[in-house]
C-alpha atoms as a PDB file:
ATOM      1  CA  UNK A   1     259.785 -69.726  33.233  1.00  0.00           C
ATOM      2  CA  UNK A   2     260.641 -72.107  36.147  1.00  0.00           C
ATOM      3  CA  UNK A   3     262.039 -70.349  39.242  1.00  0.00           C
ATOM      4  CA  UNK A   4     260.757 -66.917  38.178  1.00  0.00           C
ATOM      5  CA  UNK A   5     258.113 -65.467  40.808  1.00  0.00           C
ATOM      6  CA  UNK A   6     255.221 -63.386  39.611  1.00  0.00           C
ATOM      7  CA  UNK A   7     254.986 -60.376  41.790  1.00  0.00           C
ATOM      8  CA  UNK A   8     251.612 -60.420  44.106  1.00  0.00           C
ATOM      9  CA  UNK A   9     250.295 -57.201  42.521  1.00  0.00           C
ATOM     10  CA  UNK A  10     250.035 -58.921  39.123  1.00  0.00           C
ATOM     11  CA  UNK A  11     248.325 -62.253  40.177  1.00  0.00           C
ATOM     12  CA  UNK A  12     244.729 -62.201  39.504  1.00  0.00           C
ATOM     13  CA  UNK A  13     242.797 -62.403  42.653  1.00  0.00           C
ATOM     14  CA  UNK A  14     239.783 -64.634  43.374  1.00  0.00           C
ATOM     15  CA  UNK A  15     236.686 -63.602  42.003  1.00  0.00           C
ATOM     16  CA  UNK A  16     238.234 -61.025  39.465  1.00  0.00           C
ATOM     17  CA  UNK A  17     237.345 -61.634  35.711  1.00  0.00           C
ATOM     18  CA  UNK A  18     239.066 -60.899  32.576  1.00  0.00           C
ATOM     19  CA  UNK A  19     237.295 -58.219  30.658  1.00  0.00           C
ATOM     20  CA  UNK A  20     237.249 -58.684  26.970  1.00  0.00           C
ATOM     21  CA  UNK A  21     237.210 -55.491  25.040  1.00  0.00           C
ATOM     22  CA  UNK A  22     236.152 -56.008  21.572  1.00  0.00           C
ATOM     23  CA  UNK A  23     237.946 -54.226  18.733  1.00  0.00           C
ATOM     24  CA  UNK A  24     236.181 -51.572  16.838  1.00  0.00           C
ATOM     25  CA  UNK A  25     235.731 -52.685  13.168  1.00  0.00           C
ATOM     26  CA  UNK A  26     235.348 -49.166  11.515  1.00  0.00           C
ATOM     27  CA  UNK A  27     235.250 -50.652   8.104  1.00  0.00           C
ATOM     28  CA  UNK A  28     232.152 -52.930   8.778  1.00  0.00           C
ATOM     29  CA  UNK A  29     230.321 -49.850  10.218  1.00  0.00           C
ATOM     30  CA  UNK A  30     231.070 -47.406   7.417  1.00  0.00           C
ATOM     31  CA  UNK A  31     229.872 -49.983   4.932  1.00  0.00           C
ATOM     32  CA  UNK A  32     226.765 -50.752   6.837  1.00  0.00           C
ATOM     33  CA  UNK A  33     226.205 -47.064   7.009  1.00  0.00           C
ATOM     34  CA  UNK A  34     226.873 -46.801   3.182  1.00  0.00           C
ATOM     35  CA  UNK A  35     224.540 -49.438   2.314  1.00  0.00           C
ATOM     36  CA  UNK A  36     221.766 -48.140   4.628  1.00  0.00           C
ATOM     37  CA  UNK A  37     221.989 -44.645   3.008  1.00  0.00           C
ATOM     38  CA  UNK A  38     221.800 -46.270  -0.508  1.00  0.00           C
ATOM     39  CA  UNK A  39     218.587 -48.238   0.541  1.00  0.00           C
ATOM     40  CA  UNK A  40     216.962 -45.190   1.794  1.00  0.00           C
ATOM     41  CA  UNK A  41     217.960 -43.286  -1.346  1.00  0.00           C
ATOM     42  CA  UNK A  42     216.306 -46.157  -3.468  1.00  0.00           C
ATOM     43  CA  UNK A  43     213.091 -45.980  -1.538  1.00  0.00           C
ATOM     44  CA  UNK A  44     213.046 -42.341  -1.716  1.00  0.00           C
ATOM     45  CA  UNK A  45     213.455 -42.314  -5.454  1.00  0.00           C
ATOM     46  CA  UNK A  46     210.510 -45.030  -5.783  1.00  0.00           C
ATOM     47  CA  UNK A  47     208.134 -42.987  -3.928  1.00  0.00           C
ATOM     48  CA  UNK A  48     208.862 -39.491  -5.151  1.00  0.00           C
ATOM     49  CA  UNK A  49     210.536 -39.869  -8.647  1.00  0.00           C
ATOM     50  CA  UNK A  50     207.654 -38.969 -11.145  1.00  0.00           C
ATOM     51  CA  UNK A  51     209.536 -40.918 -13.953  1.00  0.00           C
ATOM     52  CA  UNK A  52     208.174 -44.188 -12.409  1.00  0.00           C
ATOM     53  CA  UNK A  53     204.553 -43.262 -13.048  1.00  0.00           C
ATOM     54  CA  UNK A  54     202.978 -45.659 -10.567  1.00  0.00           C
ATOM     55  CA  UNK A  55     199.521 -44.632 -11.918  1.00  0.00           C
ATOM     56  CA  UNK A  56     200.218 -46.059 -15.135  1.00  0.00           C
ATOM     57  CA  UNK A  57     201.613 -49.276 -13.817  1.00  0.00           C
ATOM     58  CA  UNK A  58     198.559 -49.714 -11.817  1.00  0.00           C
ATOM     59  CA  UNK A  59     196.475 -49.154 -14.955  1.00  0.00           C
ATOM     60  CA  UNK A  60     198.398 -51.921 -16.921  1.00  0.00           C
ATOM     61  CA  UNK A  61     199.422 -54.404 -14.337  1.00  0.00           C
ATOM     62  CA  UNK A  62     196.111 -56.185 -14.801  1.00  0.00           C
ATOM     63  CA  UNK A  63     195.621 -55.187 -18.540  1.00  0.00           C
ATOM     64  CA  UNK A  64     194.221 -58.057 -20.906  1.00  0.00           C
ATOM     65  CA  UNK A  65     196.818 -57.812 -23.061  1.00  0.00           C
ATOM     66  CA  UNK A  66     199.442 -58.310 -20.270  1.00  0.00           C
ATOM     67  CA  UNK A  67     197.610 -61.070 -18.540  1.00  0.00           C
ATOM     68  CA  UNK A  68     197.530 -62.972 -21.913  1.00  0.00           C
ATOM     69  CA  UNK A  69     201.279 -62.513 -22.272  1.00  0.00           C
ATOM     70  CA  UNK A  70     201.757 -63.927 -18.556  1.00  0.00           C
ATOM     71  CA  UNK A  71     199.614 -67.054 -19.478  1.00  0.00           C
ATOM     72  CA  UNK A  72     201.674 -67.478 -22.667  1.00  0.00           C
ATOM     73  CA  UNK A  73     205.070 -67.117 -20.625  1.00  0.00           C
ATOM     74  CA  UNK A  74     203.511 -69.853 -18.322  1.00  0.00           C
ATOM     75  CA  UNK A  75     202.536 -72.089 -21.024  1.00  0.00           C
ATOM     76  CA  UNK A  76     205.947 -71.755 -22.905  1.00  0.00           C
ATOM     77  CA  UNK A  77     207.847 -72.366 -19.689  1.00  0.00           C
ATOM     78  CA  UNK A  78     205.917 -75.534 -18.869  1.00  0.00           C
ATOM     79  CA  UNK A  79     206.199 -77.053 -22.436  1.00  0.00           C
ATOM     80  CA  UNK A  80     209.705 -76.155 -22.844  1.00  0.00           C
ATOM     81  CA  UNK A  81     210.784 -77.609 -19.586  1.00  0.00           C
ATOM     82  CA  UNK A  82     208.889 -80.762 -20.200  1.00  0.00           C
ATOM     83  CA  UNK A  83     210.400 -81.144 -23.677  1.00  0.00           C
ATOM     84  CA  UNK A  84     213.782 -80.013 -22.535  1.00  0.00           C
ATOM     85  CA  UNK A  85     213.794 -82.803 -19.402  1.00  0.00           C
ATOM     86  CA  UNK A  86     212.927 -85.638 -22.085  1.00  0.00           C
ATOM     87  CA  UNK A  87     215.697 -84.642 -24.277  1.00  0.00           C
ATOM     88  CA  UNK A  88     217.942 -84.265 -21.273  1.00  0.00           C
ATOM     89  CA  UNK A  89     217.204 -87.860 -20.128  1.00  0.00           C
ATOM     90  CA  UNK A  90     217.804 -89.223 -23.752  1.00  0.00           C
ATOM     91  CA  UNK A  91     220.996 -87.411 -24.170  1.00  0.00           C
ATOM     92  CA  UNK A  92     222.449 -88.184 -20.493  1.00  0.00           C
ATOM     93  CA  UNK A  93     221.778 -91.704 -21.287  1.00  0.00           C
ATOM     94  CA  UNK A  94     223.719 -91.389 -24.689  1.00  0.00           C
ATOM     95  CA  UNK A  95     226.534 -89.887 -23.082  1.00  0.00           C
ATOM     96  CA  UNK A  96     226.689 -92.705 -20.225  1.00  0.00           C
ATOM     97  CA  UNK A  97     226.294 -95.259 -22.868  1.00  0.00           C
ATOM     98  CA  UNK A  98     229.216 -97.707 -24.169  1.00  0.00           C
ATOM     99  CA  UNK A  99     228.379 -97.104 -27.568  1.00  0.00           C
ATOM    100  CA  UNK A 100     231.101 -94.633 -29.090  1.00  0.00           C
ATOM    101  CA  UNK A 101     228.660 -93.517 -31.933  1.00  0.00           C
ATOM    102  CA  UNK A 102     225.810 -92.462 -29.270  1.00  0.00           C
ATOM    103  CA  UNK A 103     228.564 -90.825 -27.125  1.00  0.00           C
ATOM    104  CA  UNK A 104     229.740 -88.940 -30.190  1.00  0.00           C
ATOM    105  CA  UNK A 105     226.229 -87.762 -31.218  1.00  0.00           C
ATOM    106  CA  UNK A 106     225.389 -86.704 -27.425  1.00  0.00           C
ATOM    107  CA  UNK A 107     228.752 -84.644 -27.201  1.00  0.00           C
ATOM    108  CA  UNK A 108     228.095 -82.850 -30.563  1.00  0.00           C
ATOM    109  CA  UNK A 109     224.447 -81.959 -29.501  1.00  0.00           C
ATOM    110  CA  UNK A 110     225.738 -80.483 -26.343  1.00  0.00           C
ATOM    111  CA  UNK A 111     228.669 -78.788 -28.161  1.00  0.00           C
ATOM    112  CA  UNK A 112     226.354 -77.173 -30.628  1.00  0.00           C
ATOM    113  CA  UNK A 113     223.524 -76.142 -28.267  1.00  0.00           C
ATOM    114  CA  UNK A 114     225.520 -75.043 -25.480  1.00  0.00           C
ATOM    115  CA  UNK A 115     228.008 -73.047 -27.629  1.00  0.00           C
ATOM    116  CA  UNK A 116     225.575 -70.951 -29.679  1.00  0.00           C
ATOM    117  CA  UNK A 117     223.488 -68.169 -28.015  1.00  0.00           C
ATOM    118  CA  UNK A 118     219.867 -68.936 -27.607  1.00  0.00           C
ATOM    119  CA  UNK A 119     218.902 -65.808 -29.376  1.00  0.00           C
ATOM    120  CA  UNK A 120     220.656 -67.024 -32.428  1.00  0.00           C
ATOM    121  CA  UNK A 121     218.928 -70.403 -32.308  1.00  0.00           C
ATOM    122  CA  UNK A 122     215.480 -68.595 -31.853  1.00  0.00           C
ATOM    123  CA  UNK A 123     216.033 -66.406 -35.055  1.00  0.00           C
ATOM    124  CA  UNK A 124     217.334 -69.403 -36.936  1.00  0.00           C
ATOM    125  CA  UNK A 125     214.210 -71.689 -36.393  1.00  0.00           C
ATOM    126  CA  UNK A 126     211.973 -68.755 -37.064  1.00  0.00           C
ATOM    127  CA  UNK A 127     213.510 -68.198 -40.469  1.00  0.00           C
ATOM    128  CA  UNK A 128     214.039 -72.045 -41.236  1.00  0.00           C
ATOM    129  CA  UNK A 129     211.893 -71.348 -44.469  1.00  0.00           C
ATOM    130  CA  UNK A 130     214.730 -69.798 -46.030  1.00  0.00           C
ATOM    131  CA  UNK A 131     216.744 -72.787 -45.839  1.00  0.00           C
ATOM    132  CA  UNK A 132     214.115 -75.432 -46.221  1.00  0.00           C
ATOM    133  CA  UNK A 133     210.937 -73.920 -48.045  1.00  0.00           C
ATOM    134  CA  UNK A 134     208.889 -77.277 -47.793  1.00  0.00           C
ATOM    135  CA  UNK A 135     209.075 -79.736 -44.801  1.00  0.00           C
ATOM    136  CA  UNK A 136     208.364 -83.189 -45.962  1.00  0.00           C
ATOM    137  CA  UNK A 137     208.337 -86.827 -44.822  1.00  0.00           C
ATOM    138  CA  UNK A 138     209.326 -89.701 -46.940  1.00  0.00           C
ATOM    139  CA  UNK A 139     212.179 -91.685 -48.449  1.00  0.00           C
ATOM    140  CA  UNK A 140     215.051 -89.446 -48.530  1.00  0.00           C
ATOM    141  CA  UNK A 141     217.625 -88.751 -51.537  1.00  0.00           C
ATOM    142  CA  UNK A 142     214.837 -87.979 -54.145  1.00  0.00           C
ATOM    143  CA  UNK A 143     212.232 -90.792 -52.918  1.00  0.00           C
ATOM    144  CA  UNK A 144     208.645 -90.298 -52.965  1.00  0.00           C
ATOM    145  CA  UNK A 145     207.093 -87.997 -50.383  1.00  0.00           C
ATOM    146  CA  UNK A 146     204.336 -89.106 -48.088  1.00  0.00           C
ATOM    147  CA  UNK A 147     203.814 -85.759 -46.485  1.00  0.00           C
ATOM    148  CA  UNK A 148     204.645 -82.316 -47.300  1.00  0.00           C
ATOM    149  CA  UNK A 149     204.064 -78.917 -45.612  1.00  0.00           C
ATOM    150  CA  UNK A 150     205.198 -75.175 -45.929  1.00  0.00           C
ATOM    151  CA  UNK A 151     207.841 -74.417 -43.477  1.00  0.00           C
ATOM    152  CA  UNK A 152     206.125 -71.002 -43.031  1.00  0.00           C
ATOM    153  CA  UNK A 153     202.769 -72.619 -42.025  1.00  0.00           C
ATOM    154  CA  UNK A 154     204.672 -75.239 -39.818  1.00  0.00           C
ATOM    155  CA  UNK A 155     207.274 -72.997 -38.089  1.00  0.00           C
ATOM    156  CA  UNK A 156     205.035 -70.285 -36.281  1.00  0.00           C
ATOM    157  CA  UNK A 157     206.337 -67.977 -33.830  1.00  0.00           C
ATOM    158  CA  UNK A 158     205.314 -70.476 -30.958  1.00  0.00           C
ATOM    159  CA  UNK A 159     206.873 -73.573 -32.611  1.00  0.00           C
ATOM    160  CA  UNK A 160     210.045 -71.588 -33.459  1.00  0.00           C
ATOM    161  CA  UNK A 161     210.315 -70.355 -29.634  1.00  0.00           C
ATOM    162  CA  UNK A 162     209.539 -74.017 -28.520  1.00  0.00           C
ATOM    163  CA  UNK A 163     212.216 -75.655 -30.596  1.00  0.00           C
ATOM    164  CA  UNK A 164     214.797 -73.117 -29.736  1.00  0.00           C
ATOM    165  CA  UNK A 165     214.293 -73.042 -26.171  1.00  0.00           C
ATOM    166  CA  UNK A 166     213.606 -76.669 -25.922  1.00  0.00           C
ATOM    167  CA  UNK A 167     216.709 -77.751 -27.809  1.00  0.00           C
ATOM    168  CA  UNK A 168     218.819 -75.376 -25.867  1.00  0.00           C
ATOM    169  CA  UNK A 169     217.255 -76.600 -22.438  1.00  0.00           C
ATOM    170  CA  UNK A 170     217.831 -80.133 -23.320  1.00  0.00           C
ATOM    171  CA  UNK A 171     221.627 -79.632 -23.539  1.00  0.00           C
ATOM    172  CA  UNK A 172     221.758 -78.219 -20.089  1.00  0.00           C
ATOM    173  CA  UNK A 173     219.332 -80.509 -18.587  1.00  0.00           C
ATOM    174  CA  UNK A 174     221.312 -83.634 -20.263  1.00  0.00           C
ATOM    175  CA  UNK A 175     224.399 -82.458 -17.762  1.00  0.00           C
ATOM    176  CA  UNK A 176     222.131 -81.885 -14.832  1.00  0.00           C
ATOM    177  CA  UNK A 177     220.583 -85.428 -15.229  1.00  0.00           C
ATOM    178  CA  UNK A 178     224.047 -87.148 -15.979  1.00  0.00           C
ATOM    179  CA  UNK A 179     225.554 -85.636 -12.747  1.00  0.00           C
ATOM    180  CA  UNK A 180     222.469 -86.804 -10.888  1.00  0.00           C
ATOM    181  CA  UNK A 181     223.001 -90.440 -12.166  1.00  0.00           C
ATOM    182  CA  UNK A 182     226.341 -90.523 -11.469  1.00  0.00           C
ATOM    183  CA  UNK A 183     225.923 -89.325  -7.868  1.00  0.00           C
ATOM    184  CA  UNK A 184     224.203 -92.810  -7.095  1.00  0.00           C
ATOM    185  CA  UNK A 185     226.151 -95.463  -5.966  1.00  0.00           C
ATOM    186  CA  UNK A 186     227.001 -97.958  -8.682  1.00  0.00           C
ATOM    187  CA  UNK A 187     226.365-100.682  -6.303  1.00  0.00           C
ATOM    188  CA  UNK A 188     222.622 -99.841  -6.563  1.00  0.00           C
ATOM    189  CA  UNK A 189     222.540-100.904 -10.116  1.00  0.00           C
ATOM    190  CA  UNK A 190     224.511-104.032  -9.616  1.00  0.00           C
ATOM    191  CA  UNK A 191     221.991-105.057  -6.877  1.00  0.00           C
ATOM    192  CA  UNK A 192     219.084-104.399  -8.919  1.00  0.00           C
ATOM    193  CA  UNK A 193     220.740-106.473 -11.791  1.00  0.00           C
ATOM    194  CA  UNK A 194     221.311-109.435  -9.165  1.00  0.00           C
ATOM    195  CA  UNK A 195     217.382-109.085  -8.419  1.00  0.00           C
ATOM    196  CA  UNK A 196     216.718-109.728 -12.122  1.00  0.00           C
ATOM    197  CA  UNK A 197     215.857-106.074 -13.102  1.00  0.00           C
ATOM    198  CA  UNK A 198     216.089-105.100 -16.652  1.00  0.00           C
ATOM    199  CA  UNK A 199     218.371-102.423 -17.531  1.00  0.00           C
ATOM    200  CA  UNK A 200     215.607 -99.715 -18.417  1.00  0.00           C
ATOM    201  CA  UNK A 201     213.695-100.871 -15.098  1.00  0.00           C
ATOM    202  CA  UNK A 202     216.697-100.576 -13.114  1.00  0.00           C
ATOM    203  CA  UNK A 203     217.254 -96.890 -14.240  1.00  0.00           C
ATOM    204  CA  UNK A 204     213.524 -95.928 -13.779  1.00  0.00           C
ATOM    205  CA  UNK A 205     213.048 -97.825 -10.652  1.00  0.00           C
ATOM    206  CA  UNK A 206     216.192 -97.661  -8.760  1.00  0.00           C
ATOM    207  CA  UNK A 207     218.745 -95.113 -10.267  1.00  0.00           C
ATOM    208  CA  UNK A 208     216.445 -92.240 -11.314  1.00  0.00           C
ATOM    209  CA  UNK A 209     214.503 -91.750  -7.831  1.00  0.00           C
ATOM    210  CA  UNK A 210     217.828 -91.640  -5.904  1.00  0.00           C
ATOM    211  CA  UNK A 211     219.373 -89.382  -8.427  1.00  0.00           C
ATOM    212  CA  UNK A 212     216.385 -86.963  -8.100  1.00  0.00           C
ATOM    213  CA  UNK A 213     217.941 -85.462  -4.709  1.00  0.00           C
ATOM    214  CA  UNK A 214     220.822 -84.271  -6.905  1.00  0.00           C
ATOM    215  CA  UNK A 215     218.472 -83.353 -10.139  1.00  0.00           C
ATOM    216  CA  UNK A 216     215.867 -81.240  -8.459  1.00  0.00           C
ATOM    217  CA  UNK A 217     217.784 -78.240  -6.952  1.00  0.00           C
ATOM    218  CA  UNK A 218     219.358 -77.364 -10.337  1.00  0.00           C
ATOM    219  CA  UNK A 219     216.256 -78.215 -12.373  1.00  0.00           C
ATOM    220  CA  UNK A 220     214.396 -75.793 -10.191  1.00  0.00           C
ATOM    221  CA  UNK A 221     216.993 -73.149 -10.947  1.00  0.00           C
ATOM    222  CA  UNK A 222     216.741 -73.990 -14.652  1.00  0.00           C
ATOM    223  CA  UNK A 223     212.843 -73.650 -14.450  1.00  0.00           C
ATOM    224  CA  UNK A 224     213.353 -70.008 -12.868  1.00  0.00           C
ATOM    225  CA  UNK A 225     215.939 -69.211 -15.409  1.00  0.00           C
ATOM    226  CA  UNK A 226     213.693 -70.488 -18.319  1.00  0.00           C
ATOM    227  CA  UNK A 227     210.727 -68.291 -17.102  1.00  0.00           C
ATOM    228  CA  UNK A 228     212.952 -65.155 -17.687  1.00  0.00           C
ATOM    229  CA  UNK A 229     214.593 -66.558 -20.826  1.00  0.00           C
ATOM    230  CA  UNK A 230     211.240 -66.701 -22.526  1.00  0.00           C
ATOM    231  CA  UNK A 231     211.487 -63.077 -22.863  1.00  0.00           C
ATOM    232  CA  UNK A 232     213.773 -63.677 -25.792  1.00  0.00           C
ATOM    233  CA  UNK A 233     210.665 -65.180 -27.573  1.00  0.00           C
ATOM    234  CA  UNK A 234     209.756 -61.634 -28.314  1.00  0.00           C
ATOM    235  CA  UNK A 235     212.263 -61.320 -30.958  1.00  0.00           C
ATOM    236  CA  UNK A 236     210.196 -63.952 -32.973  1.00  0.00           C
ATOM    237  CA  UNK A 237     206.986 -61.807 -32.313  1.00  0.00           C
ATOM    238  CA  UNK A 238     205.518 -64.565 -29.736  1.00  0.00           C
ATOM    239  CA  UNK A 239     202.915 -62.567 -27.549  1.00  0.00           C
ATOM    240  CA  UNK A 240     204.417 -63.612 -24.009  1.00  0.00           C
ATOM    241  CA  UNK A 241     204.924 -61.121 -21.288  1.00  0.00           C
ATOM    242  CA  UNK A 242     207.704 -59.033 -22.859  1.00  0.00           C
ATOM    243  CA  UNK A 243     206.258 -58.731 -26.392  1.00  0.00           C
ATOM    244  CA  UNK A 244     203.022 -57.758 -24.537  1.00  0.00           C
ATOM    245  CA  UNK A 245     204.353 -54.659 -22.844  1.00  0.00           C
ATOM    246  CA  UNK A 246     206.534 -53.805 -25.729  1.00  0.00           C
ATOM    247  CA  UNK A 247     203.551 -53.708 -28.082  1.00  0.00           C
ATOM    248  CA  UNK A 248     201.897 -51.221 -25.629  1.00  0.00           C
ATOM    249  CA  UNK A 249     204.872 -48.927 -24.947  1.00  0.00           C
ATOM    250  CA  UNK A 250     205.569 -48.722 -28.778  1.00  0.00           C
ATOM    251  CA  UNK A 251     202.127 -47.066 -28.736  1.00  0.00           C
ATOM    252  CA  UNK A 252     201.995 -44.999 -25.671  1.00  0.00           C
ATOM    253  CA  UNK A 253     205.737 -44.101 -25.271  1.00  0.00           C
ATOM    254  CA  UNK A 254     205.404 -45.166 -21.664  1.00  0.00           C
ATOM    255  CA  UNK A 255     208.396 -47.120 -21.717  1.00  0.00           C
ATOM    256  CA  UNK A 256     209.528 -47.251 -17.919  1.00  0.00           C
ATOM    257  CA  UNK A 257     206.129 -48.056 -16.322  1.00  0.00           C
ATOM    258  CA  UNK A 258     205.556 -50.675 -18.689  1.00  0.00           C
ATOM    259  CA  UNK A 259     208.787 -52.446 -18.001  1.00  0.00           C
ATOM    260  CA  UNK A 260     208.162 -52.062 -14.188  1.00  0.00           C
ATOM    261  CA  UNK A 261     204.889 -53.973 -15.114  1.00  0.00           C
ATOM    262  CA  UNK A 262     206.839 -56.725 -16.710  1.00  0.00           C
ATOM    263  CA  UNK A 263     209.451 -56.788 -13.949  1.00  0.00           C
ATOM    264  CA  UNK A 264     206.688 -56.795 -11.201  1.00  0.00           C
ATOM    265  CA  UNK A 265     205.108 -60.155 -12.993  1.00  0.00           C
ATOM    266  CA  UNK A 266     208.375 -61.795 -13.398  1.00  0.00           C
ATOM    267  CA  UNK A 267     209.269 -61.097  -9.678  1.00  0.00           C
ATOM    268  CA  UNK A 268     205.710 -62.677  -8.613  1.00  0.00           C
ATOM    269  CA  UNK A 269     206.096 -65.674 -10.999  1.00  0.00           C
ATOM    270  CA  UNK A 270     209.714 -66.434  -9.633  1.00  0.00           C
ATOM    271  CA  UNK A 271     208.468 -66.069  -6.199  1.00  0.00           C
ATOM    272  CA  UNK A 272     205.984 -68.534  -6.581  1.00  0.00           C
ATOM    273  CA  UNK A 273     208.204 -70.947  -8.345  1.00  0.00           C
ATOM    274  CA  UNK A 274     210.795 -70.588  -5.639  1.00  0.00           C
ATOM    275  CA  UNK A 275     208.128 -71.562  -3.256  1.00  0.00           C
ATOM    276  CA  UNK A 276     207.255 -74.759  -5.096  1.00  0.00           C
ATOM    277  CA  UNK A 277     211.090 -75.664  -5.699  1.00  0.00           C
ATOM    278  CA  UNK A 278     211.467 -75.304  -1.807  1.00  0.00           C
ATOM    279  CA  UNK A 279     208.644 -77.908  -1.134  1.00  0.00           C
ATOM    280  CA  UNK A 280     209.884 -80.090  -3.654  1.00  0.00           C
ATOM    281  CA  UNK A 281     213.539 -80.248  -2.357  1.00  0.00           C
ATOM    282  CA  UNK A 282     211.892 -80.554   1.092  1.00  0.00           C
ATOM    283  CA  UNK A 283     210.038 -83.772  -0.292  1.00  0.00           C
ATOM    284  CA  UNK A 284     213.118 -85.411  -1.941  1.00  0.00           C
ATOM    285  CA  UNK A 285     215.358 -84.748   1.009  1.00  0.00           C
ATOM    286  CA  UNK A 286     213.150 -86.570   3.294  1.00  0.00           C
ATOM    287  CA  UNK A 287     214.929 -89.903   2.596  1.00  0.00           C
ATOM    288  CA  UNK A 288     218.466 -88.649   3.028  1.00  0.00           C
ATOM    289  CA  UNK A 289     217.376 -87.071   6.425  1.00  0.00           C
ATOM    290  CA  UNK A 290     215.734 -90.286   7.606  1.00  0.00           C
ATOM    291  CA  UNK A 291     218.817 -92.314   6.953  1.00  0.00           C
ATOM    292  CA  UNK A 292     220.891 -89.695   9.129  1.00  0.00           C
ATOM    293  CA  UNK A 293     220.449 -91.646  12.775  1.00  0.00           C
ATOM    294  CA  UNK A 294     221.280 -89.616  15.981  1.00  0.00           C
ATOM    295  CA  UNK A 295     224.620 -90.548  17.251  1.00  0.00           C
ATOM    296  CA  UNK A 296     223.275 -91.855  20.550  1.00  0.00           C
ATOM    297  CA  UNK A 297     220.736 -94.053  18.972  1.00  0.00           C
END
């Protein structure tokens, strides 16, 4: 206040510095100690608990049956993501269309395949012969048939897994691709039209490359998720990684070590895919970073 004099003893002298004493955060330290103790306990159990049976894990980690399962998992993941991405592009364009019939069909597709569990879809496709004993191609409603095949022959375990996972993945990829397309400035499409680009040419040359910056990160997460979702294909007796370890531990009754084998392989594959995803994201983010000019430029 004005007019009030501060006693000389309370005034800071030249050269004196204020000493700030940090407050002790007991909760933070207690939490850190608890987490550290828990981590030490986990490491101790891993190396001392005989139930892990690390010798058995070492014997089966490179077993031919397990390696075949790993290759089948990678093959299924790749094919499902390719087919699912193609379906996603088509459904995304249908949702963005001005045709109400296409929009209705796209919404119905998303509603069904996102609304039913993947496991139900896999079992449904695997048992399609109960609904359609024969698959045929020809004129519908009683017309002549040009081609006909038994459903039990056409829908194998691999085909059932491909259909179930691809159709389900296509629904999620459609929303990812649609969001990426909507992230592009509409003026880009208008400018391409002014340059004489056709609609499909505008999409593939102008819109999609710019949308990739928004599409790639969630797509990478979908690939990693699909790698793990392929384990559901064991329900239709497809010899992927999970089915391979199941077929072994049902004979040897060494359940825990075989599950550890599967977990190790999934962790290795996911780690590799995460590194690939990182470099792809870096590649597509270059264009955006180059546009960010320094303030003093």
